[in-house]
C-alpha atoms as a PDB file:
ATOM      1  CA  MET A   1     -38.682  76.275  47.624  1.00  0.00           C
ATOM      2  CA  VAL A   2     -37.496  77.888  44.588  1.00  0.00           C
ATOM      3  CA  TRP A   3     -36.410  80.969  45.842  1.00  0.00           C
ATOM      4  CA  LYS A   4     -34.019  79.872  48.191  1.00  0.00           C
ATOM      5  CA  ASP A   5     -32.324  78.432  45.182  1.00  0.00           C
ATOM      6  CA  GLU A   6     -32.460  81.289  43.710  1.00  0.00           C
ATOM      7  CA  ALA A   7     -30.840  83.388  46.541  1.00  0.00           C
ATOM      8  CA  PHE A   8     -28.212  81.414  47.038  1.00  0.00           C
ATOM      9  CA  GLU A   9     -27.736  80.972  43.236  1.00  0.00           C
ATOM     10  CA  ILE A  10     -27.697  84.982  43.437  1.00  0.00           C
ATOM     11  CA  TRP A  11     -25.208  84.860  46.615  1.00  0.00           C
ATOM     12  CA  THR A  12     -22.735  82.097  44.940  1.00  0.00           C
ATOM     13  CA  ARG A  13     -22.580  84.295  41.072  1.00  0.00           C
ATOM     14  CA  GLY A  14     -22.220  87.904  43.298  1.00  0.00           C
ATOM     15  CA  TRP A  15     -19.394  86.486  45.447  1.00  0.00           C
ATOM     16  CA  GLY A  16     -18.393  83.023  44.104  1.00  0.00           C
ATOM     17  CA  CYS A  17     -17.226  84.395  41.311  1.00  0.00           C
ATOM     18  CA  MET A  18     -14.353  86.443  43.171  1.00  0.00           C
ATOM     19  CA  PHE A  19     -12.460  83.951  43.950  1.00  0.00           C
ATOM     20  CA  PRO A  20     -11.090  80.749  41.300  1.00  0.00           C
ATOM     21  CA  GLU A  21     -11.786  77.529  41.339  1.00  0.00           C
ATOM     22  CA  GLY A  22     -10.993  75.149  44.378  1.00  0.00           C
ATOM     23  CA  ASP A  23     -10.525  78.266  46.478  1.00  0.00           C
ATOM     24  CA  SER A  24     -11.429  77.376  50.084  1.00  0.00           C
ATOM     25  CA  SER A  25     -13.678  80.500  50.058  1.00  0.00           C
ATOM     26  CA  ARG A  26     -15.878  79.437  47.089  1.00  0.00           C
ATOM     27  CA  GLU A  27     -15.898  75.825  48.050  1.00  0.00           C
ATOM     28  CA  LEU A  28     -17.165  76.859  51.442  1.00  0.00           C
ATOM     29  CA  LEU A  29     -19.960  78.811  49.426  1.00  0.00           C
ATOM     30  CA  GLU A  30     -20.489  76.012  47.200  1.00  0.00           C
ATOM     31  CA  LYS A  31     -20.823  73.870  50.473  1.00  0.00           C
ATOM     32  CA  VAL A  32     -23.683  76.022  52.300  1.00  0.00           C
ATOM     33  CA  GLN A  33     -25.517  76.704  48.891  1.00  0.00           C
ATOM     34  CA  LYS A  34     -25.850  72.949  49.306  1.00  0.00           C
ATOM     35  CA  THR A  35     -26.296  72.261  52.775  1.00  0.00           C
ATOM     36  CA  TYR A  36     -28.118  75.205  54.351  1.00  0.00           C
ATOM     37  CA  TYR A  37     -31.940  76.087  55.229  1.00  0.00           C
ATOM     38  CA  LEU A  38     -32.813  79.391  54.340  1.00  0.00           C
ATOM     39  CA  VAL A  39     -35.532  80.752  56.419  1.00  0.00           C
ATOM     40  CA  SER A  40     -37.838  83.709  56.834  1.00  0.00           C
ATOM     41  CA  LEU A  41     -39.760  84.171  60.086  1.00  0.00           C
ATOM     42  CA  VAL A  42     -43.022  86.439  59.896  1.00  0.00           C
ATOM     43  CA  ASP A  43     -44.919  87.350  62.370  1.00  0.00           C
ATOM     44  CA  ASN A  44     -48.228  89.061  61.411  1.00  0.00           C
ATOM     45  CA  ASP A  45     -48.896  91.193  64.238  1.00  0.00           C
ATOM     46  CA  TYR A  46     -48.122  93.969  62.777  1.00  0.00           C
ATOM     47  CA  VAL A  47     -49.236  96.278  65.767  1.00  0.00           C
ATOM     48  CA  GLN A  48     -48.333  94.710  68.704  1.00  0.00           C
ATOM     49  CA  GLY A  49     -45.412  91.880  67.045  1.00  0.00           C
ATOM     50  CA  ASP A  50     -42.397  90.795  68.455  1.00  0.00           C
ATOM     51  CA  LEU A  51     -40.815  88.036  66.354  1.00  0.00           C
ATOM     52  CA  PHE A  52     -37.600  88.725  68.016  1.00  0.00           C
ATOM     53  CA  ALA A  53     -39.328  87.502  71.578  1.00  0.00           C
ATOM     54  CA  ALA A  54     -38.864  83.763  70.770  1.00  0.00           C
ATOM     55  CA  PHE A  55     -34.671  84.237  70.627  1.00  0.00           C
ATOM     56  CA  LYS A  56     -34.959  85.689  73.889  1.00  0.00           C
ATOM     57  CA  ILE A  57     -33.694  84.067  77.412  1.00  0.00           C
END
């Protein structure tokens, strides 16, 4: 999960610094960094894979 921390850190450094301390947008970014999960979906069937089939209703 190290890459998750790095990804969110880059996000908050890039976007977070655009907002002043205490700003609701900055607080939202910080909250997402601390409480959300970063998920990576992989379909190893490169020829006939359908990664998005799991999301079809």
